[in-house]
Amino acid sequence: MTAATLTRDQLKPALRLLAGTPYGRAAVTWQAMPHILPARHLVTGDGLLLRFPAGRIDPARLDGTVLAYEANSHGSPGKDAAEPGSPGYWSAQLVGEVSLAVVTEQERSALAAPGDGGSGEGTLYLRLIPRLAVVQRDGPSEEPSAAETGRNPSAVPASHPRPPAAAPVARPRR
């Protein structure tokens, strides 16, 4: 896989890829334990609207929390489908805060799982505002390289300044 960069420079390519597949996986921690939840998604502007089946997790536990979301080309519809390790395989990951969402009928219909008619009864909808994005690909990348753009791929954008160095911890003498 090509080197991944945790910057907002990856957000637009990640959203373009996510628009081509209907589902992915969300990762959250709850009571210090990790939970992986399958979800359907819809790209909305610079973020995602996520749909979780009813009863998977208490909505109050997710509102305002940080969530990681990943989808890939494995099982994607059409020409974008690719197996891990093969040319054309991609993975897009977003990390950000989520909030409970009130959805329109159009959004509800777009997020409906096959066979459920889009009723969404008891379904949980969350809006993800990404702060970090990572795109990984096997094989040649369709995105311009750092050399082509003149960007340093390991640079942290100004909107995300590096935290100050931690002060050394004083240890008591025995």
N, C-alpha and C. Protein backbone atom coordinates (compact mmCIF):
# COMPACT_ATOMS: atom_id res chain seq x y z
N MET A 1 0.83 -1.17 0.00
CA MET A 1 0.00 0.00 0.00
C MET A 1 0.88 1.23 0.00
N THR A 2 0.37 2.28 -0.57
CA THR A 2 1.12 3.52 -0.58
C THR A 2 1.08 4.14 0.81
N ALA A 3 2.01 5.03 1.07
CA ALA A 3 2.08 5.66 2.38
C ALA A 3 0.80 6.47 2.64
N ALA A 4 0.30 6.35 3.83
CA ALA A 4 -0.91 7.08 4.22
C ALA A 4 -0.51 8.30 5.03
N THR A 5 -1.22 9.38 4.84
CA THR A 5 -0.93 10.62 5.54
C THR A 5 -2.17 11.04 6.30
N LEU A 6 -2.02 11.30 7.59
CA LEU A 6 -3.15 11.73 8.41
C LEU A 6 -3.33 13.24 8.28
N THR A 7 -3.91 13.67 7.19
CA THR A 7 -4.15 15.10 7.01
C THR A 7 -5.48 15.30 6.32
N ARG A 8 -5.95 16.53 6.34
CA ARG A 8 -7.18 16.85 5.63
C ARG A 8 -6.95 16.85 4.12
N ASP A 9 -5.66 16.83 3.66
CA ASP A 9 -5.39 16.73 2.22
C ASP A 9 -6.01 15.47 1.64
N GLN A 10 -6.22 14.48 2.46
CA GLN A 10 -6.77 13.20 2.01
C GLN A 10 -8.30 13.19 2.04
N LEU A 11 -8.93 14.24 2.59
CA LEU A 11 -10.38 14.21 2.77
C LEU A 11 -11.14 14.11 1.46
N LYS A 12 -10.86 14.95 0.50
CA LYS A 12 -11.61 14.92 -0.77
C LYS A 12 -11.43 13.59 -1.50
N PRO A 13 -10.18 13.05 -1.62
CA PRO A 13 -10.05 11.73 -2.24
C PRO A 13 -10.81 10.64 -1.45
N ALA A 14 -10.79 10.72 -0.13
CA ALA A 14 -11.50 9.72 0.68
C ALA A 14 -13.00 9.79 0.43
N LEU A 15 -13.55 11.00 0.41
CA LEU A 15 -14.98 11.15 0.17
C LEU A 15 -15.37 10.69 -1.23
N ARG A 16 -14.50 10.94 -2.21
CA ARG A 16 -14.79 10.47 -3.59
C ARG A 16 -14.87 8.95 -3.62
N LEU A 17 -13.94 8.29 -2.94
CA LEU A 17 -13.95 6.82 -2.91
C LEU A 17 -15.17 6.30 -2.14
N LEU A 18 -15.46 6.91 -1.00
CA LEU A 18 -16.59 6.46 -0.18
C LEU A 18 -17.92 6.61 -0.92
N ALA A 19 -18.02 7.60 -1.80
CA ALA A 19 -19.26 7.79 -2.56
C ALA A 19 -19.55 6.60 -3.47
N GLY A 20 -18.54 5.80 -3.78
CA GLY A 20 -18.71 4.67 -4.70
C GLY A 20 -19.05 3.36 -4.03
N THR A 21 -19.17 3.32 -2.72
CA THR A 21 -19.54 2.09 -2.01
C THR A 21 -20.56 2.44 -0.93
N PRO A 22 -21.55 1.59 -0.70
CA PRO A 22 -22.64 1.97 0.19
C PRO A 22 -22.45 1.70 1.68
N TYR A 23 -21.45 0.91 2.04
CA TYR A 23 -21.35 0.51 3.44
C TYR A 23 -19.89 0.42 3.89
N GLY A 24 -19.72 0.40 5.21
CA GLY A 24 -18.40 0.28 5.80
C GLY A 24 -18.54 -0.14 7.25
N ARG A 25 -17.52 0.19 8.05
CA ARG A 25 -17.49 -0.20 9.44
C ARG A 25 -17.10 1.00 10.30
N ALA A 26 -17.79 1.17 11.42
CA ALA A 26 -17.48 2.23 12.37
C ALA A 26 -16.82 1.59 13.59
N ALA A 27 -15.83 2.27 14.13
CA ALA A 27 -15.16 1.80 15.34
C ALA A 27 -15.30 2.85 16.42
N VAL A 28 -15.79 2.43 17.57
CA VAL A 28 -15.95 3.31 18.72
C VAL A 28 -15.51 2.55 19.97
N THR A 29 -15.23 3.30 21.01
CA THR A 29 -14.99 2.66 22.30
C THR A 29 -16.16 2.98 23.21
N TRP A 30 -16.54 2.01 23.98
CA TRP A 30 -17.64 2.15 24.91
C TRP A 30 -17.25 1.39 26.16
N GLN A 31 -17.21 2.06 27.29
CA GLN A 31 -16.74 1.49 28.55
C GLN A 31 -15.36 0.86 28.36
N ALA A 32 -14.50 1.60 27.65
CA ALA A 32 -13.11 1.22 27.39
C ALA A 32 -12.96 -0.04 26.54
N MET A 33 -14.03 -0.49 25.91
CA MET A 33 -13.97 -1.66 25.04
C MET A 33 -14.26 -1.23 23.61
N PRO A 34 -13.51 -1.78 22.64
CA PRO A 34 -13.77 -1.41 21.24
C PRO A 34 -15.03 -2.10 20.71
N HIS A 35 -15.74 -1.38 19.86
CA HIS A 35 -16.92 -1.91 19.19
C HIS A 35 -16.81 -1.59 17.71
N ILE A 36 -17.01 -2.58 16.88
CA ILE A 36 -17.03 -2.41 15.43
C ILE A 36 -18.47 -2.61 14.99
N LEU A 37 -19.00 -1.60 14.31
CA LEU A 37 -20.41 -1.61 13.92
C LEU A 37 -20.53 -1.47 12.41
N PRO A 38 -21.23 -2.38 11.74
CA PRO A 38 -21.48 -2.19 10.31
C PRO A 38 -22.42 -1.01 10.11
N ALA A 39 -22.21 -0.27 9.05
CA ALA A 39 -23.05 0.90 8.78
C ALA A 39 -23.15 1.16 7.29
N ARG A 40 -24.23 1.80 6.90
CA ARG A 40 -24.37 2.33 5.55
C ARG A 40 -24.01 3.81 5.65
N HIS A 41 -23.54 4.39 4.55
CA HIS A 41 -23.15 5.81 4.60
C HIS A 41 -23.57 6.54 3.33
N LEU A 42 -23.66 7.85 3.49
CA LEU A 42 -23.98 8.74 2.40
C LEU A 42 -23.06 9.94 2.53
N VAL A 43 -22.32 10.25 1.47
CA VAL A 43 -21.44 11.42 1.48
C VAL A 43 -22.32 12.66 1.39
N THR A 44 -22.12 13.60 2.33
CA THR A 44 -22.89 14.85 2.35
C THR A 44 -21.91 16.00 2.53
N GLY A 45 -21.61 16.69 1.45
CA GLY A 45 -20.65 17.80 1.54
C GLY A 45 -19.28 17.31 1.94
N ASP A 46 -18.76 17.82 3.06
CA ASP A 46 -17.46 17.41 3.56
C ASP A 46 -17.56 16.42 4.71
N GLY A 47 -18.61 15.63 4.74
CA GLY A 47 -18.78 14.66 5.81
C GLY A 47 -19.61 13.48 5.37
N LEU A 48 -20.01 12.68 6.35
CA LEU A 48 -20.80 11.48 6.08
C LEU A 48 -22.03 11.46 6.97
N LEU A 49 -23.09 10.92 6.42
CA LEU A 49 -24.27 10.58 7.20
C LEU A 49 -24.22 9.06 7.33
N LEU A 50 -24.27 8.56 8.56
CA LEU A 50 -24.16 7.13 8.82
C LEU A 50 -25.49 6.58 9.30
N ARG A 51 -25.80 5.35 8.86
CA ARG A 51 -27.04 4.67 9.26
C ARG A 51 -26.66 3.35 9.91
N PHE A 52 -27.08 3.17 11.16
CA PHE A 52 -26.83 1.93 11.90
C PHE A 52 -28.14 1.21 12.13
N PRO A 53 -28.17 -0.11 11.97
CA PRO A 53 -29.39 -0.86 12.24
C PRO A 53 -29.85 -0.67 13.68
N ALA A 54 -31.14 -0.78 13.91
CA ALA A 54 -31.72 -0.60 15.23
C ALA A 54 -31.12 -1.60 16.22
N GLY A 55 -30.92 -1.12 17.45
CA GLY A 55 -30.51 -2.00 18.53
C GLY A 55 -29.04 -2.33 18.60
N ARG A 56 -28.20 -1.78 17.74
CA ARG A 56 -26.77 -2.10 17.76
C ARG A 56 -26.04 -1.47 18.95
N ILE A 57 -26.41 -0.21 19.27
CA ILE A 57 -25.75 0.51 20.36
C ILE A 57 -26.67 1.64 20.80
N ASP A 58 -26.57 2.02 22.05
CA ASP A 58 -27.38 3.10 22.60
C ASP A 58 -26.98 4.43 21.96
N PRO A 59 -27.90 5.12 21.28
CA PRO A 59 -27.56 6.37 20.61
C PRO A 59 -26.96 7.43 21.54
N ALA A 60 -27.42 7.48 22.78
CA ALA A 60 -26.91 8.48 23.72
C ALA A 60 -25.41 8.28 23.97
N ARG A 61 -24.91 7.08 23.81
CA ARG A 61 -23.49 6.80 24.04
C ARG A 61 -22.63 7.30 22.89
N LEU A 62 -23.21 7.49 21.72
CA LEU A 62 -22.43 7.91 20.56
C LEU A 62 -22.47 9.40 20.30
N ASP A 63 -23.54 10.07 20.68
CA ASP A 63 -23.68 11.50 20.39
C ASP A 63 -22.53 12.28 21.01
N GLY A 64 -21.75 12.96 20.15
CA GLY A 64 -20.63 13.77 20.60
C GLY A 64 -19.32 13.03 20.79
N THR A 65 -19.28 11.76 20.48
CA THR A 65 -18.06 10.98 20.66
C THR A 65 -17.22 10.97 19.39
N VAL A 66 -15.99 10.53 19.50
CA VAL A 66 -15.11 10.38 18.34
C VAL A 66 -15.31 8.98 17.77
N LEU A 67 -15.41 8.90 16.46
CA LEU A 67 -15.68 7.65 15.77
C LEU A 67 -14.73 7.53 14.58
N ALA A 68 -14.26 6.33 14.32
CA ALA A 68 -13.47 6.05 13.12
C ALA A 68 -14.35 5.25 12.17
N TYR A 69 -14.30 5.60 10.90
CA TYR A 69 -15.13 4.91 9.89
C TYR A 69 -14.24 4.48 8.74
N GLU A 70 -14.41 3.24 8.28
CA GLU A 70 -13.59 2.71 7.19
C GLU A 70 -14.48 1.96 6.21
N ALA A 71 -14.18 2.15 4.94
CA ALA A 71 -14.79 1.36 3.87
C ALA A 71 -13.70 1.10 2.85
N ASN A 72 -13.90 0.06 2.04
CA ASN A 72 -12.88 -0.27 1.04
C ASN A 72 -13.54 -0.81 -0.22
N SER A 73 -12.70 -1.09 -1.21
CA SER A 73 -13.23 -1.53 -2.50
C SER A 73 -13.58 -3.01 -2.53
N HIS A 74 -13.26 -3.76 -1.50
CA HIS A 74 -13.63 -5.18 -1.46
C HIS A 74 -15.15 -5.27 -1.35
N GLY A 75 -15.78 -5.82 -2.35
CA GLY A 75 -17.23 -5.93 -2.37
C GLY A 75 -17.95 -4.70 -2.89
N SER A 76 -17.19 -3.70 -3.34
CA SER A 76 -17.82 -2.52 -3.92
C SER A 76 -18.54 -2.91 -5.21
N PRO A 77 -19.61 -2.20 -5.52
CA PRO A 77 -20.30 -2.52 -6.77
C PRO A 77 -19.51 -2.04 -7.99
N GLY A 78 -19.70 -2.73 -9.08
CA GLY A 78 -19.15 -2.28 -10.37
C GLY A 78 -17.66 -2.42 -10.52
N LYS A 79 -17.08 -1.53 -11.31
CA LYS A 79 -15.68 -1.63 -11.69
C LYS A 79 -14.70 -1.35 -10.56
N ASP A 80 -15.18 -0.76 -9.45
CA ASP A 80 -14.30 -0.43 -8.34
C ASP A 80 -14.01 -1.60 -7.42
N ALA A 81 -14.69 -2.73 -7.61
CA ALA A 81 -14.47 -3.88 -6.74
C ALA A 81 -13.07 -4.41 -6.94
N ALA A 82 -12.38 -4.67 -5.83
CA ALA A 82 -11.03 -5.22 -5.88
C ALA A 82 -10.73 -5.94 -4.58
N GLU A 83 -10.01 -7.02 -4.68
CA GLU A 83 -9.61 -7.80 -3.51
C GLU A 83 -8.40 -7.15 -2.84
N PRO A 84 -8.28 -7.25 -1.51
CA PRO A 84 -7.08 -6.75 -0.85
C PRO A 84 -5.82 -7.36 -1.46
N GLY A 85 -4.81 -6.54 -1.67
CA GLY A 85 -3.55 -7.00 -2.25
C GLY A 85 -3.51 -6.94 -3.76
N SER A 86 -4.65 -6.69 -4.40
CA SER A 86 -4.67 -6.63 -5.86
C SER A 86 -4.61 -5.18 -6.33
N PRO A 87 -4.14 -4.95 -7.55
CA PRO A 87 -4.14 -3.58 -8.07
C PRO A 87 -5.57 -3.03 -8.07
N GLY A 88 -5.71 -1.80 -7.70
CA GLY A 88 -7.02 -1.18 -7.66
C GLY A 88 -7.69 -1.22 -6.30
N TYR A 89 -7.14 -2.01 -5.37
CA TYR A 89 -7.73 -2.05 -4.03
C TYR A 89 -7.48 -0.73 -3.32
N TRP A 90 -8.51 -0.23 -2.62
CA TRP A 90 -8.35 0.99 -1.83
C TRP A 90 -9.07 0.85 -0.50
N SER A 91 -8.65 1.65 0.44
CA SER A 91 -9.29 1.75 1.74
C SER A 91 -9.33 3.22 2.11
N ALA A 92 -10.47 3.70 2.57
CA ALA A 92 -10.61 5.09 3.00
C ALA A 92 -11.09 5.09 4.45
N GLN A 93 -10.41 5.87 5.27
CA GLN A 93 -10.74 5.94 6.69
C GLN A 93 -10.92 7.40 7.09
N LEU A 94 -11.95 7.65 7.88
CA LEU A 94 -12.22 8.99 8.41
C LEU A 94 -12.33 8.89 9.92
N VAL A 95 -11.83 9.90 10.61
CA VAL A 95 -11.96 9.98 12.06
C VAL A 95 -12.50 11.36 12.40
N GLY A 96 -13.51 11.40 13.24
CA GLY A 96 -14.07 12.68 13.65
C GLY A 96 -15.17 12.50 14.67
N GLU A 97 -15.75 13.62 15.04
CA GLU A 97 -16.83 13.61 16.02
C GLU A 97 -18.15 13.36 15.32
N VAL A 98 -19.03 12.61 15.99
CA VAL A 98 -20.36 12.33 15.44
C VAL A 98 -21.43 12.97 16.31
N SER A 99 -22.53 13.28 15.67
CA SER A 99 -23.69 13.80 16.39
C SER A 99 -24.95 13.14 15.85
N LEU A 100 -25.95 13.02 16.70
CA LEU A 100 -27.23 12.46 16.26
C LEU A 100 -27.77 13.32 15.12
N ALA A 101 -28.34 12.68 14.12
CA ALA A 101 -28.80 13.41 12.94
C ALA A 101 -30.29 13.20 12.72
N VAL A 102 -30.94 14.26 12.32
CA VAL A 102 -32.32 14.18 11.84
C VAL A 102 -32.19 14.15 10.32
N VAL A 103 -32.75 13.12 9.70
CA VAL A 103 -32.57 12.94 8.26
C VAL A 103 -33.83 13.32 7.49
N THR A 104 -33.61 13.73 6.26
CA THR A 104 -34.72 14.02 5.36
C THR A 104 -35.22 12.71 4.77
N GLU A 105 -36.39 12.75 4.17
CA GLU A 105 -36.90 11.54 3.50
C GLU A 105 -35.97 11.11 2.37
N GLN A 106 -35.38 12.07 1.67
CA GLN A 106 -34.46 11.76 0.59
C GLN A 106 -33.22 11.04 1.14
N GLU A 107 -32.66 11.53 2.25
CA GLU A 107 -31.50 10.87 2.87
C GLU A 107 -31.86 9.49 3.39
N ARG A 108 -33.03 9.38 4.02
CA ARG A 108 -33.49 8.09 4.55
C ARG A 108 -33.62 7.07 3.42
N SER A 109 -34.17 7.50 2.31
CA SER A 109 -34.33 6.62 1.16
C SER A 109 -32.97 6.21 0.58
N ALA A 110 -32.04 7.16 0.48
CA ALA A 110 -30.71 6.87 -0.07
C ALA A 110 -29.93 5.91 0.82
N LEU A 111 -30.19 5.93 2.13
CA LEU A 111 -29.48 5.07 3.08
C LEU A 111 -30.19 3.76 3.37
N ALA A 112 -31.36 3.55 2.78
CA ALA A 112 -32.13 2.34 3.05
C ALA A 112 -31.36 1.11 2.62
N ALA A 113 -31.36 0.12 3.48
CA ALA A 113 -30.74 -1.16 3.15
C ALA A 113 -31.67 -1.91 2.20
N PRO A 114 -31.10 -2.72 1.31
CA PRO A 114 -31.95 -3.49 0.39
C PRO A 114 -32.97 -4.32 1.17
N GLY A 115 -34.23 -4.21 0.76
CA GLY A 115 -35.28 -5.02 1.36
C GLY A 115 -35.97 -4.43 2.57
N ASP A 116 -35.47 -3.28 3.12
CA ASP A 116 -36.15 -2.77 4.31
C ASP A 116 -37.13 -1.66 3.98
N GLY A 117 -37.21 -1.25 2.74
CA GLY A 117 -38.17 -0.25 2.33
C GLY A 117 -37.88 1.15 2.83
N GLY A 118 -36.76 1.31 3.54
CA GLY A 118 -36.36 2.63 3.99
C GLY A 118 -37.13 3.15 5.18
N SER A 119 -37.87 2.27 5.88
CA SER A 119 -38.69 2.76 7.00
C SER A 119 -37.82 3.36 8.09
N GLY A 120 -36.70 2.74 8.40
CA GLY A 120 -35.77 3.29 9.37
C GLY A 120 -36.28 3.29 10.80
N GLU A 121 -37.33 2.53 11.11
CA GLU A 121 -37.87 2.51 12.46
C GLU A 121 -36.80 2.02 13.42
N GLY A 122 -36.48 2.85 14.43
CA GLY A 122 -35.47 2.50 15.41
C GLY A 122 -34.05 2.61 14.90
N THR A 123 -33.89 3.01 13.67
CA THR A 123 -32.56 3.12 13.07
C THR A 123 -31.85 4.35 13.62
N LEU A 124 -30.56 4.23 13.83
CA LEU A 124 -29.74 5.32 14.35
C LEU A 124 -29.04 6.01 13.19
N TYR A 125 -29.16 7.33 13.12
CA TYR A 125 -28.48 8.13 12.11
C TYR A 125 -27.51 9.08 12.81
N LEU A 126 -26.27 9.09 12.36
CA LEU A 126 -25.25 9.97 12.91
C LEU A 126 -24.58 10.75 11.78
N ARG A 127 -24.20 11.98 12.08
CA ARG A 127 -23.46 12.80 11.13
C ARG A 127 -22.01 12.84 11.59
N LEU A 128 -21.08 12.44 10.71
CA LEU A 128 -19.65 12.42 11.00
C LEU A 128 -18.99 13.61 10.33
N ILE A 129 -18.33 14.44 11.13
CA ILE A 129 -17.55 15.57 10.62
C ILE A 129 -16.08 15.16 10.75
N PRO A 130 -15.44 14.79 9.64
CA PRO A 130 -14.07 14.26 9.71
C PRO A 130 -13.04 15.31 10.11
N ARG A 131 -12.10 14.89 10.92
CA ARG A 131 -10.94 15.70 11.29
C ARG A 131 -9.67 15.12 10.69
N LEU A 132 -9.68 13.82 10.47
CA LEU A 132 -8.54 13.12 9.87
C LEU A 132 -9.05 12.21 8.76
N ALA A 133 -8.26 12.06 7.72
CA ALA A 133 -8.62 11.17 6.62
C ALA A 133 -7.38 10.44 6.15
N VAL A 134 -7.54 9.18 5.81
CA VAL A 134 -6.45 8.37 5.29
C VAL A 134 -6.98 7.60 4.08
N VAL A 135 -6.23 7.64 2.99
CA VAL A 135 -6.54 6.82 1.82
C VAL A 135 -5.34 5.93 1.57
N GLN A 136 -5.59 4.65 1.45
CA GLN A 136 -4.53 3.69 1.14
C GLN A 136 -4.93 2.95 -0.12
N ARG A 137 -3.95 2.70 -0.97
CA ARG A 137 -4.19 2.00 -2.23
C ARG A 137 -3.11 0.95 -2.46
N ASP A 138 -3.51 -0.12 -3.13
CA ASP A 138 -2.55 -1.09 -3.65
C ASP A 138 -2.37 -0.76 -5.11
N GLY A 139 -1.15 -0.79 -5.58
CA GLY A 139 -0.90 -0.50 -6.98
C GLY A 139 -0.77 0.98 -7.22
N PRO A 140 -0.78 1.39 -8.47
CA PRO A 140 -0.60 2.80 -8.80
C PRO A 140 -1.74 3.65 -8.26
N SER A 141 -1.40 4.84 -7.77
CA SER A 141 -2.39 5.76 -7.23
C SER A 141 -2.93 6.66 -8.32
N GLU A 142 -4.23 6.99 -8.22
CA GLU A 142 -4.83 7.93 -9.15
C GLU A 142 -4.60 9.36 -8.67
N GLU A 143 -4.20 9.52 -7.41
CA GLU A 143 -3.98 10.85 -6.85
C GLU A 143 -2.57 11.30 -7.20
N PRO A 144 -2.33 12.60 -7.36
CA PRO A 144 -0.98 13.08 -7.65
C PRO A 144 -0.05 12.81 -6.48
N SER A 145 1.18 12.51 -6.80
CA SER A 145 2.16 12.23 -5.76
C SER A 145 2.60 13.52 -5.08
N ALA A 146 3.31 13.39 -3.96
CA ALA A 146 3.83 14.55 -3.24
C ALA A 146 4.78 15.33 -4.15
N ALA A 147 5.55 14.62 -4.97
CA ALA A 147 6.49 15.29 -5.88
C ALA A 147 5.73 16.12 -6.91
N GLU A 148 4.56 15.60 -7.35
CA GLU A 148 3.77 16.31 -8.35
C GLU A 148 3.08 17.55 -7.76
N THR A 149 2.70 17.49 -6.48
CA THR A 149 1.99 18.61 -5.87
C THR A 149 2.92 19.56 -5.14
N GLY A 150 4.15 19.12 -4.86
CA GLY A 150 5.09 19.94 -4.11
C GLY A 150 4.81 19.95 -2.62
N ARG A 151 3.93 19.07 -2.14
CA ARG A 151 3.59 19.01 -0.73
C ARG A 151 4.45 17.98 -0.01
N ASN A 152 4.72 18.25 1.23
CA ASN A 152 5.40 17.29 2.09
C ASN A 152 4.33 16.36 2.65
N PRO A 153 4.33 15.07 2.30
CA PRO A 153 3.26 14.18 2.73
C PRO A 153 3.21 13.97 4.24
N SER A 154 4.29 14.28 4.96
CA SER A 154 4.25 14.09 6.41
C SER A 154 3.97 15.39 7.15
N ALA A 155 3.71 16.45 6.42
CA ALA A 155 3.45 17.74 7.06
C ALA A 155 2.07 17.74 7.70
N VAL A 156 1.99 18.36 8.86
CA VAL A 156 0.71 18.52 9.54
C VAL A 156 0.13 19.85 9.10
N PRO A 157 -1.12 19.88 8.64
CA PRO A 157 -1.69 21.15 8.18
C PRO A 157 -1.77 22.17 9.31
N ALA A 158 -1.77 23.45 8.94
CA ALA A 158 -1.81 24.53 9.92
C ALA A 158 -3.05 24.44 10.79
N SER A 159 -4.15 23.91 10.26
CA SER A 159 -5.37 23.80 11.04
C SER A 159 -5.25 22.76 12.15
N HIS A 160 -4.21 21.94 12.11
CA HIS A 160 -3.97 20.92 13.13
C HIS A 160 -2.54 21.06 13.63
N PRO A 161 -2.26 22.09 14.46
CA PRO A 161 -0.88 22.28 14.92
C PRO A 161 -0.41 21.11 15.76
N ARG A 162 0.88 20.89 15.72
CA ARG A 162 1.45 19.82 16.53
C ARG A 162 1.32 20.18 18.00
N PRO A 163 1.03 19.19 18.84
CA PRO A 163 0.95 19.48 20.27
C PRO A 163 2.33 19.79 20.82
N PRO A 164 2.40 20.58 21.90
CA PRO A 164 3.71 20.87 22.48
C PRO A 164 4.33 19.60 23.02
N ALA A 165 5.65 19.58 23.05
CA ALA A 165 6.36 18.42 23.58
C ALA A 165 6.00 18.24 25.04
N ALA A 166 5.85 17.01 25.44
CA ALA A 166 5.49 16.72 26.83
C ALA A 166 6.66 17.03 27.75
N ALA A 167 6.32 17.59 28.89
CA ALA A 167 7.36 17.87 29.88
C ALA A 167 7.80 16.56 30.51
N PRO A 168 9.09 16.46 30.88
CA PRO A 168 9.54 15.22 31.52
C PRO A 168 8.82 15.02 32.84
N VAL A 169 8.55 13.77 33.15
CA VAL A 169 7.86 13.44 34.38
C VAL A 169 8.89 13.31 35.49
N ALA A 170 8.68 14.04 36.59
CA ALA A 170 9.58 13.95 37.74
C ALA A 170 9.26 12.68 38.51
N ARG A 171 10.26 11.90 38.73
CA ARG A 171 10.07 10.64 39.49
C ARG A 171 10.62 10.83 40.91
N PRO A 172 9.86 10.39 41.89
CA PRO A 172 10.34 10.54 43.26
C PRO A 172 11.57 9.66 43.50
N ARG A 173 12.48 10.18 44.31
CA ARG A 173 13.68 9.41 44.67
C ARG A 173 13.33 8.51 45.85
N ARG A 174 13.98 7.38 45.85
CA ARG A 174 13.74 6.43 46.94
C ARG A 174 14.81 6.51 47.97
